[in-house]
Amino acid sequence: MNIASTRTYRENRAKFPLDELRKRDGQWVAFSPDGQRIVASAANVSELADQVRASQEDVQNVVLEHIEIESLEINLGAAELQ
């Protein structure tokens, strides 16, 4: 990915819908070079690479990211405060 497309990727990826990412929580995701779409997602990188190839995309031209949606709950009990 060249420098110009890196900026575009970051801008678009930052706007990616959280609802779509939640569907892939705990998975590896291959994003298009411009960050506007998900090419494939899978539990591990090997399976992800197979899916990217099957989609006719160039494996060298996607951006991989492991998606982890953090819980918003904070569980504190009295034991933690003593």
PDB file of N, CA and C in Angstrom:
ATOM      1  N   MET A   1       0.850  -1.171   0.000  1.00  0.00           N
ATOM      2  CA  MET A   1       0.000   0.000   0.000  1.00  0.00           C
ATOM      3  C   MET A   1       0.896   1.234   0.000  1.00  0.00           C
ATOM      4  N   ASN A   2       0.633   2.165  -0.875  1.00  0.00           N
ATOM      5  CA  ASN A   2       1.469   3.358  -0.918  1.00  0.00           C
ATOM      6  C   ASN A   2       1.007   4.397   0.095  1.00  0.00           C
ATOM      7  N   ILE A   3       1.798   5.431   0.272  1.00  0.00           N
ATOM      8  CA  ILE A   3       1.528   6.435   1.314  1.00  0.00           C
ATOM      9  C   ILE A   3       0.192   7.145   1.091  1.00  0.00           C
ATOM     10  N   ALA A   4      -0.116   7.499  -0.157  1.00  0.00           N
ATOM     11  CA  ALA A   4      -1.381   8.196  -0.434  1.00  0.00           C
ATOM     12  C   ALA A   4      -2.573   7.338  -0.031  1.00  0.00           C
ATOM     13  N   SER A   5      -2.524   6.053  -0.330  1.00  0.00           N
ATOM     14  CA  SER A   5      -3.662   5.207   0.003  1.00  0.00           C
ATOM     15  C   SER A   5      -3.709   4.894   1.491  1.00  0.00           C
ATOM     16  N   THR A   6      -2.582   4.991   2.190  1.00  0.00           N
ATOM     17  CA  THR A   6      -2.576   4.778   3.633  1.00  0.00           C
ATOM     18  C   THR A   6      -3.454   5.822   4.328  1.00  0.00           C
ATOM     19  N   ARG A   7      -3.327   7.059   3.924  1.00  0.00           N
ATOM     20  CA  ARG A   7      -4.148   8.124   4.511  1.00  0.00           C
ATOM     21  C   ARG A   7      -5.624   7.881   4.232  1.00  0.00           C
ATOM     22  N   THR A   8      -5.942   7.523   3.004  1.00  0.00           N
ATOM     23  CA  THR A   8      -7.322   7.241   2.621  1.00  0.00           C
ATOM     24  C   THR A   8      -7.859   6.072   3.438  1.00  0.00           C
ATOM     25  N   TYR A   9      -7.039   5.023   3.579  1.00  0.00           N
ATOM     26  CA  TYR A   9      -7.458   3.860   4.363  1.00  0.00           C
ATOM     27  C   TYR A   9      -7.794   4.276   5.790  1.00  0.00           C
ATOM     28  N   ARG A  10      -6.924   4.996   6.426  1.00  0.00           N
ATOM     29  CA  ARG A  10      -7.153   5.398   7.826  1.00  0.00           C
ATOM     30  C   ARG A  10      -8.420   6.221   7.976  1.00  0.00           C
ATOM     31  N   GLU A  11      -8.637   7.142   7.071  1.00  0.00           N
ATOM     32  CA  GLU A  11      -9.836   7.984   7.144  1.00  0.00           C
ATOM     33  C   GLU A  11     -11.102   7.146   6.991  1.00  0.00           C
ATOM     34  N   ASN A  12     -11.112   6.274   5.994  1.00  0.00           N
ATOM     35  CA  ASN A  12     -12.301   5.446   5.757  1.00  0.00           C
ATOM     36  C   ASN A  12     -12.500   4.403   6.840  1.00  0.00           C
ATOM     37  N   ARG A  13     -11.420   3.811   7.305  1.00  0.00           N
ATOM     38  CA  ARG A  13     -11.520   2.774   8.339  1.00  0.00           C
ATOM     39  C   ARG A  13     -12.079   3.368   9.632  1.00  0.00           C
ATOM     40  N   ALA A  14     -11.710   4.590   9.946  1.00  0.00           N
ATOM     41  CA  ALA A  14     -12.203   5.253  11.159  1.00  0.00           C
ATOM     42  C   ALA A  14     -13.717   5.475  11.094  1.00  0.00           C
ATOM     43  N   LYS A  15     -14.273   5.556   9.901  1.00  0.00           N
ATOM     44  CA  LYS A  15     -15.706   5.775   9.712  1.00  0.00           C
ATOM     45  C   LYS A  15     -16.485   4.471   9.551  1.00  0.00           C
ATOM     46  N   PHE A  16     -15.790   3.333   9.591  1.00  0.00           N
ATOM     47  CA  PHE A  16     -16.453   2.056   9.322  1.00  0.00           C
ATOM     48  C   PHE A  16     -17.533   1.793  10.369  1.00  0.00           C
ATOM     49  N   PRO A  17     -18.714   1.344   9.956  1.00  0.00           N
ATOM     50  CA  PRO A  17     -19.830   1.141  10.890  1.00  0.00           C
ATOM     51  C   PRO A  17     -19.509   0.121  11.992  1.00  0.00           C
ATOM     52  N   LEU A  18     -19.684   0.534  13.223  1.00  0.00           N
ATOM     53  CA  LEU A  18     -19.414  -0.324  14.368  1.00  0.00           C
ATOM     54  C   LEU A  18     -20.289  -1.577  14.360  1.00  0.00           C
ATOM     55  N   ASP A  19     -21.517  -1.449  13.882  1.00  0.00           N
ATOM     56  CA  ASP A  19     -22.406  -2.620  13.808  1.00  0.00           C
ATOM     57  C   ASP A  19     -21.814  -3.719  12.933  1.00  0.00           C
ATOM     58  N   GLU A  20     -21.169  -3.325  11.844  1.00  0.00           N
ATOM     59  CA  GLU A  20     -20.535  -4.311  10.959  1.00  0.00           C
ATOM     60  C   GLU A  20     -19.330  -4.953  11.635  1.00  0.00           C
ATOM     61  N   LEU A  21     -18.592  -4.175  12.396  1.00  0.00           N
ATOM     62  CA  LEU A  21     -17.430  -4.724  13.097  1.00  0.00           C
ATOM     63  C   LEU A  21     -17.855  -5.657  14.229  1.00  0.00           C
ATOM     64  N   ARG A  22     -18.946  -5.326  14.889  1.00  0.00           N
ATOM     65  CA  ARG A  22     -19.447  -6.186  15.975  1.00  0.00           C
ATOM     66  C   ARG A  22     -19.757  -7.596  15.472  1.00  0.00           C
ATOM     67  N   LYS A  23     -20.229  -7.700  14.240  1.00  0.00           N
ATOM     68  CA  LYS A  23     -20.540  -9.005  13.653  1.00  0.00           C
ATOM     69  C   LYS A  23     -19.288  -9.874  13.516  1.00  0.00           C
ATOM     70  N   ARG A  24     -18.127  -9.237  13.528  1.00  0.00           N
ATOM     71  CA  ARG A  24     -16.862  -9.944  13.320  1.00  0.00           C
ATOM     72  C   ARG A  24     -15.963  -9.908  14.554  1.00  0.00           C
ATOM     73  N   ASP A  25     -16.565  -9.674  15.696  1.00  0.00           N
ATOM     74  CA  ASP A  25     -15.809  -9.620  16.953  1.00  0.00           C
ATOM     75  C   ASP A  25     -15.024 -10.918  17.157  1.00  0.00           C
ATOM     76  N   GLY A  26     -13.735 -10.789  17.439  1.00  0.00           N
ATOM     77  CA  GLY A  26     -12.876 -11.938  17.672  1.00  0.00           C
ATOM     78  C   GLY A  26     -12.326 -12.563  16.405  1.00  0.00           C
ATOM     79  N   GLN A  27     -12.616 -11.984  15.256  1.00  0.00           N
ATOM     80  CA  GLN A  27     -12.158 -12.547  13.982  1.00  0.00           C
ATOM     81  C   GLN A  27     -11.078 -11.672  13.348  1.00  0.00           C
ATOM     82  N   TRP A  28     -10.371 -12.266  12.397  1.00  0.00           N
ATOM     83  CA  TRP A  28      -9.465 -11.528  11.531  1.00  0.00           C
ATOM     84  C   TRP A  28     -10.274 -11.022  10.343  1.00  0.00           C
ATOM     85  N   VAL A  29     -10.004  -9.782   9.953  1.00  0.00           N
ATOM     86  CA  VAL A  29     -10.742  -9.158   8.858  1.00  0.00           C
ATOM     87  C   VAL A  29      -9.749  -8.622   7.829  1.00  0.00           C
ATOM     88  N   ALA A  30     -10.070  -8.822   6.561  1.00  0.00           N
ATOM     89  CA  ALA A  30      -9.308  -8.235   5.457  1.00  0.00           C
ATOM     90  C   ALA A  30     -10.130  -7.085   4.891  1.00  0.00           C
ATOM     91  N   PHE A  31      -9.594  -5.876   5.020  1.00  0.00           N
ATOM     92  CA  PHE A  31     -10.258  -4.690   4.485  1.00  0.00           C
ATOM     93  C   PHE A  31      -9.699  -4.366   3.103  1.00  0.00           C
ATOM     94  N   SER A  32     -10.530  -3.762   2.275  1.00  0.00           N
ATOM     95  CA  SER A  32     -10.065  -3.276   0.977  1.00  0.00           C
ATOM     96  C   SER A  32      -8.988  -2.222   1.213  1.00  0.00           C
ATOM     97  N   PRO A  33      -8.133  -1.978   0.222  1.00  0.00           N
ATOM     98  CA  PRO A  33      -7.037  -1.016   0.396  1.00  0.00           C
ATOM     99  C   PRO A  33      -7.500   0.393   0.767  1.00  0.00           C
ATOM    100  N   ASP A  34      -8.727   0.754   0.385  1.00  0.00           N
ATOM    101  CA  ASP A  34      -9.235   2.088   0.714  1.00  0.00           C
ATOM    102  C   ASP A  34     -10.002   2.110   2.039  1.00  0.00           C
ATOM    103  N   GLY A  35     -10.154   0.941   2.692  1.00  0.00           N
ATOM    104  CA  GLY A  35     -10.812   0.877   3.998  1.00  0.00           C
ATOM    105  C   GLY A  35     -12.319   1.011   3.954  1.00  0.00           C
ATOM    106  N   GLN A  36     -12.920   0.930   2.783  1.00  0.00           N
ATOM    107  CA  GLN A  36     -14.361   1.133   2.670  1.00  0.00           C
ATOM    108  C   GLN A  36     -15.187  -0.142   2.735  1.00  0.00           C
ATOM    109  N   ARG A  37     -14.540  -1.301   2.572  1.00  0.00           N
ATOM    110  CA  ARG A  37     -15.323  -2.537   2.603  1.00  0.00           C
ATOM    111  C   ARG A  37     -14.503  -3.678   3.188  1.00  0.00           C
ATOM    112  N   ILE A  38     -15.224  -4.660   3.685  1.00  0.00           N
ATOM    113  CA  ILE A  38     -14.609  -5.875   4.187  1.00  0.00           C
ATOM    114  C   ILE A  38     -14.578  -6.880   3.041  1.00  0.00           C
ATOM    115  N   VAL A  39     -13.397  -7.387   2.753  1.00  0.00           N
ATOM    116  CA  VAL A  39     -13.217  -8.374   1.689  1.00  0.00           C
ATOM    117  C   VAL A  39     -13.563  -9.762   2.208  1.00  0.00           C
ATOM    118  N   ALA A  40     -13.104 -10.072   3.435  1.00  0.00           N
ATOM    119  CA  ALA A  40     -13.347 -11.384   4.031  1.00  0.00           C
ATOM    120  C   ALA A  40     -13.089 -11.297   5.528  1.00  0.00           C
ATOM    121  N   SER A  41     -13.595 -12.303   6.260  1.00  0.00           N
ATOM    122  CA  SER A  41     -13.303 -12.407   7.694  1.00  0.00           C
ATOM    123  C   SER A  41     -13.279 -13.881   8.065  1.00  0.00           C
ATOM    124  N   ALA A  42     -12.456 -14.208   9.069  1.00  0.00           N
ATOM    125  CA  ALA A  42     -12.308 -15.603   9.477  1.00  0.00           C
ATOM    126  C   ALA A  42     -11.705 -15.664  10.876  1.00  0.00           C
ATOM    127  N   ALA A  43     -11.771 -16.844  11.465  1.00  0.00           N
ATOM    128  CA  ALA A  43     -11.256 -17.045  12.822  1.00  0.00           C
ATOM    129  C   ALA A  43      -9.740 -16.988  12.889  1.00  0.00           C
ATOM    130  N   ASN A  44      -9.052 -17.333  11.789  1.00  0.00           N
ATOM    131  CA  ASN A  44      -7.586 -17.293  11.800  1.00  0.00           C
ATOM    132  C   ASN A  44      -7.071 -16.753  10.467  1.00  0.00           C
ATOM    133  N   VAL A  45      -5.802 -16.387  10.455  1.00  0.00           N
ATOM    134  CA  VAL A  45      -5.215 -15.736   9.288  1.00  0.00           C
ATOM    135  C   VAL A  45      -5.139 -16.682   8.087  1.00  0.00           C
ATOM    136  N   SER A  46      -4.859 -17.943   8.327  1.00  0.00           N
ATOM    137  CA  SER A  46      -4.766 -18.915   7.231  1.00  0.00           C
ATOM    138  C   SER A  46      -6.100 -19.036   6.493  1.00  0.00           C
ATOM    139  N   GLU A  47      -7.173 -19.185   7.240  1.00  0.00           N
ATOM    140  CA  GLU A  47      -8.512 -19.269   6.650  1.00  0.00           C
ATOM    141  C   GLU A  47      -8.873 -17.964   5.949  1.00  0.00           C
ATOM    142  N   LEU A  48      -8.473 -16.847   6.552  1.00  0.00           N
ATOM    143  CA  LEU A  48      -8.737 -15.540   5.960  1.00  0.00           C
ATOM    144  C   LEU A  48      -8.045 -15.414   4.599  1.00  0.00           C
ATOM    145  N   ALA A  49      -6.793 -15.842   4.521  1.00  0.00           N
ATOM    146  CA  ALA A  49      -6.054 -15.776   3.256  1.00  0.00           C
ATOM    147  C   ALA A  49      -6.757 -16.599   2.178  1.00  0.00           C
ATOM    148  N   ASP A  50      -7.250 -17.780   2.557  1.00  0.00           N
ATOM    149  CA  ASP A  50      -7.987 -18.611   1.603  1.00  0.00           C
ATOM    150  C   ASP A  50      -9.243 -17.891   1.107  1.00  0.00           C
ATOM    151  N   GLN A  51      -9.944 -17.229   2.003  1.00  0.00           N
ATOM    152  CA  GLN A  51     -11.168 -16.521   1.614  1.00  0.00           C
ATOM    153  C   GLN A  51     -10.857 -15.322   0.715  1.00  0.00           C
ATOM    154  N   VAL A  52      -9.760 -14.632   1.003  1.00  0.00           N
ATOM    155  CA  VAL A  52      -9.377 -13.488   0.167  1.00  0.00           C
ATOM    156  C   VAL A  52      -9.057 -13.975  -1.239  1.00  0.00           C
ATOM    157  N   ARG A  53      -8.287 -15.046  -1.336  1.00  0.00           N
ATOM    158  CA  ARG A  53      -7.966 -15.599  -2.661  1.00  0.00           C
ATOM    159  C   ARG A  53      -9.235 -16.031  -3.398  1.00  0.00           C
ATOM    160  N   ALA A  54     -10.161 -16.657  -2.681  1.00  0.00           N
ATOM    161  CA  ALA A  54     -11.419 -17.115  -3.290  1.00  0.00           C
ATOM    162  C   ALA A  54     -12.260 -15.949  -3.791  1.00  0.00           C
ATOM    163  N   SER A  55     -12.096 -14.786  -3.188  1.00  0.00           N
ATOM    164  CA  SER A  55     -12.862 -13.609  -3.616  1.00  0.00           C
ATOM    165  C   SER A  55     -12.223 -12.902  -4.804  1.00  0.00           C
ATOM    166  N   GLN A  56     -11.129 -13.474  -5.310  1.00  0.00           N
ATOM    167  CA  GLN A  56     -10.406 -12.909  -6.458  1.00  0.00           C
ATOM    168  C   GLN A  56      -9.667 -11.613  -6.122  1.00  0.00           C
ATOM    169  N   GLU A  57      -9.482 -11.352  -4.838  1.00  0.00           N
ATOM    170  CA  GLU A  57      -8.706 -10.182  -4.419  1.00  0.00           C
ATOM    171  C   GLU A  57      -7.241 -10.584  -4.284  1.00  0.00           C
ATOM    172  N   ASP A  58      -6.348  -9.640  -4.441  1.00  0.00           N
ATOM    173  CA  ASP A  58      -4.923  -9.873  -4.258  1.00  0.00           C
ATOM    174  C   ASP A  58      -4.607  -9.853  -2.761  1.00  0.00           C
ATOM    175  N   VAL A  59      -4.090 -10.944  -2.249  1.00  0.00           N
ATOM    176  CA  VAL A  59      -3.775 -11.051  -0.815  1.00  0.00           C
ATOM    177  C   VAL A  59      -2.799  -9.960  -0.379  1.00  0.00           C
ATOM    178  N   GLN A  60      -1.935  -9.539  -1.288  1.00  0.00           N
ATOM    179  CA  GLN A  60      -0.955  -8.490  -0.973  1.00  0.00           C
ATOM    180  C   GLN A  60      -1.568  -7.090  -0.963  1.00  0.00           C
ATOM    181  N   ASN A  61      -2.828  -6.987  -1.360  1.00  0.00           N
ATOM    182  CA  ASN A  61      -3.446  -5.673  -1.501  1.00  0.00           C
ATOM    183  C   ASN A  61      -4.642  -5.482  -0.566  1.00  0.00           C
ATOM    184  N   VAL A  62      -4.637  -6.175   0.572  1.00  0.00           N
ATOM    185  CA  VAL A  62      -5.664  -5.969   1.588  1.00  0.00           C
ATOM    186  C   VAL A  62      -4.972  -5.614   2.905  1.00  0.00           C
ATOM    187  N   VAL A  63      -5.751  -5.073   3.806  1.00  0.00           N
ATOM    188  CA  VAL A  63      -5.228  -4.705   5.122  1.00  0.00           C
ATOM    189  C   VAL A  63      -5.866  -5.632   6.149  1.00  0.00           C
ATOM    190  N   LEU A  64      -5.032  -6.344   6.908  1.00  0.00           N
ATOM    191  CA  LEU A  64      -5.530  -7.289   7.902  1.00  0.00           C
ATOM    192  C   LEU A  64      -5.631  -6.628   9.272  1.00  0.00           C
ATOM    193  N   GLU A  65      -6.685  -6.988   9.973  1.00  0.00           N
ATOM    194  CA  GLU A  65      -6.885  -6.456  11.327  1.00  0.00           C
ATOM    195  C   GLU A  65      -7.653  -7.479  12.151  1.00  0.00           C
ATOM    196  N   HIS A  66      -7.246  -7.655  13.399  1.00  0.00           N
ATOM    197  CA  HIS A  66      -7.990  -8.517  14.313  1.00  0.00           C
ATOM    198  C   HIS A  66      -8.984  -7.625  15.042  1.00  0.00           C
ATOM    199  N   ILE A  67     -10.258  -7.979  14.974  1.00  0.00           N
ATOM    200  CA  ILE A  67     -11.314  -7.155  15.561  1.00  0.00           C
ATOM    201  C   ILE A  67     -11.617  -7.642  16.969  1.00  0.00           C
ATOM    202  N   GLU A  68     -11.528  -6.735  17.918  1.00  0.00           N
ATOM    203  CA  GLU A  68     -11.893  -7.025  19.303  1.00  0.00           C
ATOM    204  C   GLU A  68     -12.718  -5.863  19.829  1.00  0.00           C
ATOM    205  N   ILE A  69     -13.986  -6.125  20.027  1.00  0.00           N
ATOM    206  CA  ILE A  69     -14.884  -5.106  20.558  1.00  0.00           C
ATOM    207  C   ILE A  69     -14.835  -5.221  22.074  1.00  0.00           C
ATOM    208  N   GLU A  70     -14.409  -4.161  22.718  1.00  0.00           N
ATOM    209  CA  GLU A  70     -14.293  -4.187  24.172  1.00  0.00           C
ATOM    210  C   GLU A  70     -15.657  -4.020  24.828  1.00  0.00           C
ATOM    211  N   SER A  71     -15.806  -4.694  25.941  1.00  0.00           N
ATOM    212  CA  SER A  71     -17.034  -4.573  26.715  1.00  0.00           C
ATOM    213  C   SER A  71     -17.065  -3.209  27.397  1.00  0.00           C
ATOM    214  N   LEU A  72     -18.227  -2.634  27.439  1.00  0.00           N
ATOM    215  CA  LEU A  72     -18.381  -1.354  28.114  1.00  0.00           C
ATOM    216  C   LEU A  72     -18.718  -1.524  29.589  1.00  0.00           C
ATOM    217  N   GLU A  73     -18.931  -2.764  30.020  1.00  0.00           N
ATOM    218  CA  GLU A  73     -19.271  -3.010  31.414  1.00  0.00           C
ATOM    219  C   GLU A  73     -18.027  -2.957  32.291  1.00  0.00           C
ATOM    220  N   ILE A  74     -18.186  -2.385  33.465  1.00  0.00           N
ATOM    221  CA  ILE A  74     -17.112  -2.384  34.472  1.00  0.00           C
ATOM    222  C   ILE A  74     -17.654  -3.111  35.676  1.00  0.00           C
ATOM    223  N   ASN A  75     -17.038  -4.228  35.995  1.00  0.00           N
ATOM    224  CA  ASN A  75     -17.508  -5.047  37.105  1.00  0.00           C
ATOM    225  C   ASN A  75     -16.573  -4.888  38.291  1.00  0.00           C
ATOM    226  N   LEU A  76     -16.980  -4.068  39.227  1.00  0.00           N
ATOM    227  CA  LEU A  76     -16.212  -3.882  40.450  1.00  0.00           C
ATOM    228  C   LEU A  76     -17.060  -4.345  41.622  1.00  0.00           C
ATOM    229  N   GLY A  77     -16.461  -5.102  42.499  1.00  0.00           N
ATOM    230  CA  GLY A  77     -17.145  -5.530  43.719  1.00  0.00           C
ATOM    231  C   GLY A  77     -16.407  -4.981  44.911  1.00  0.00           C
ATOM    232  N   ALA A  78     -16.939  -5.216  46.088  1.00  0.00           N
ATOM    233  CA  ALA A  78     -16.329  -4.704  47.313  1.00  0.00           C
ATOM    234  C   ALA A  78     -14.923  -5.240  47.510  1.00  0.00           C
ATOM    235  N   ALA A  79     -14.648  -6.460  47.048  1.00  0.00           N
ATOM    236  CA  ALA A  79     -13.318  -7.054  47.223  1.00  0.00           C
ATOM    237  C   ALA A  79     -12.253  -6.225  46.517  1.00  0.00           C
ATOM    238  N   GLU A  80     -12.591  -5.679  45.365  1.00  0.00           N
ATOM    239  CA  GLU A  80     -11.617  -4.887  44.617  1.00  0.00           C
ATOM    240  C   GLU A  80     -11.332  -3.540  45.294  1.00  0.00           C
ATOM    241  N   LEU A  81     -12.239  -3.089  46.151  1.00  0.00           N
ATOM    242  CA  LEU A  81     -12.096  -1.779  46.766  1.00  0.00           C
ATOM    243  C   LEU A  81     -11.417  -1.832  48.124  1.00  0.00           C
ATOM    244  N   GLN A  82     -11.210  -3.011  48.668  1.00  0.00           N
ATOM    245  CA  GLN A  82     -10.614  -3.116  50.007  1.00  0.00           C
ATOM    246  C   GLN A  82      -9.120  -3.179  49.951  1.00  0.00           C
TER     247      GLN A  82
END
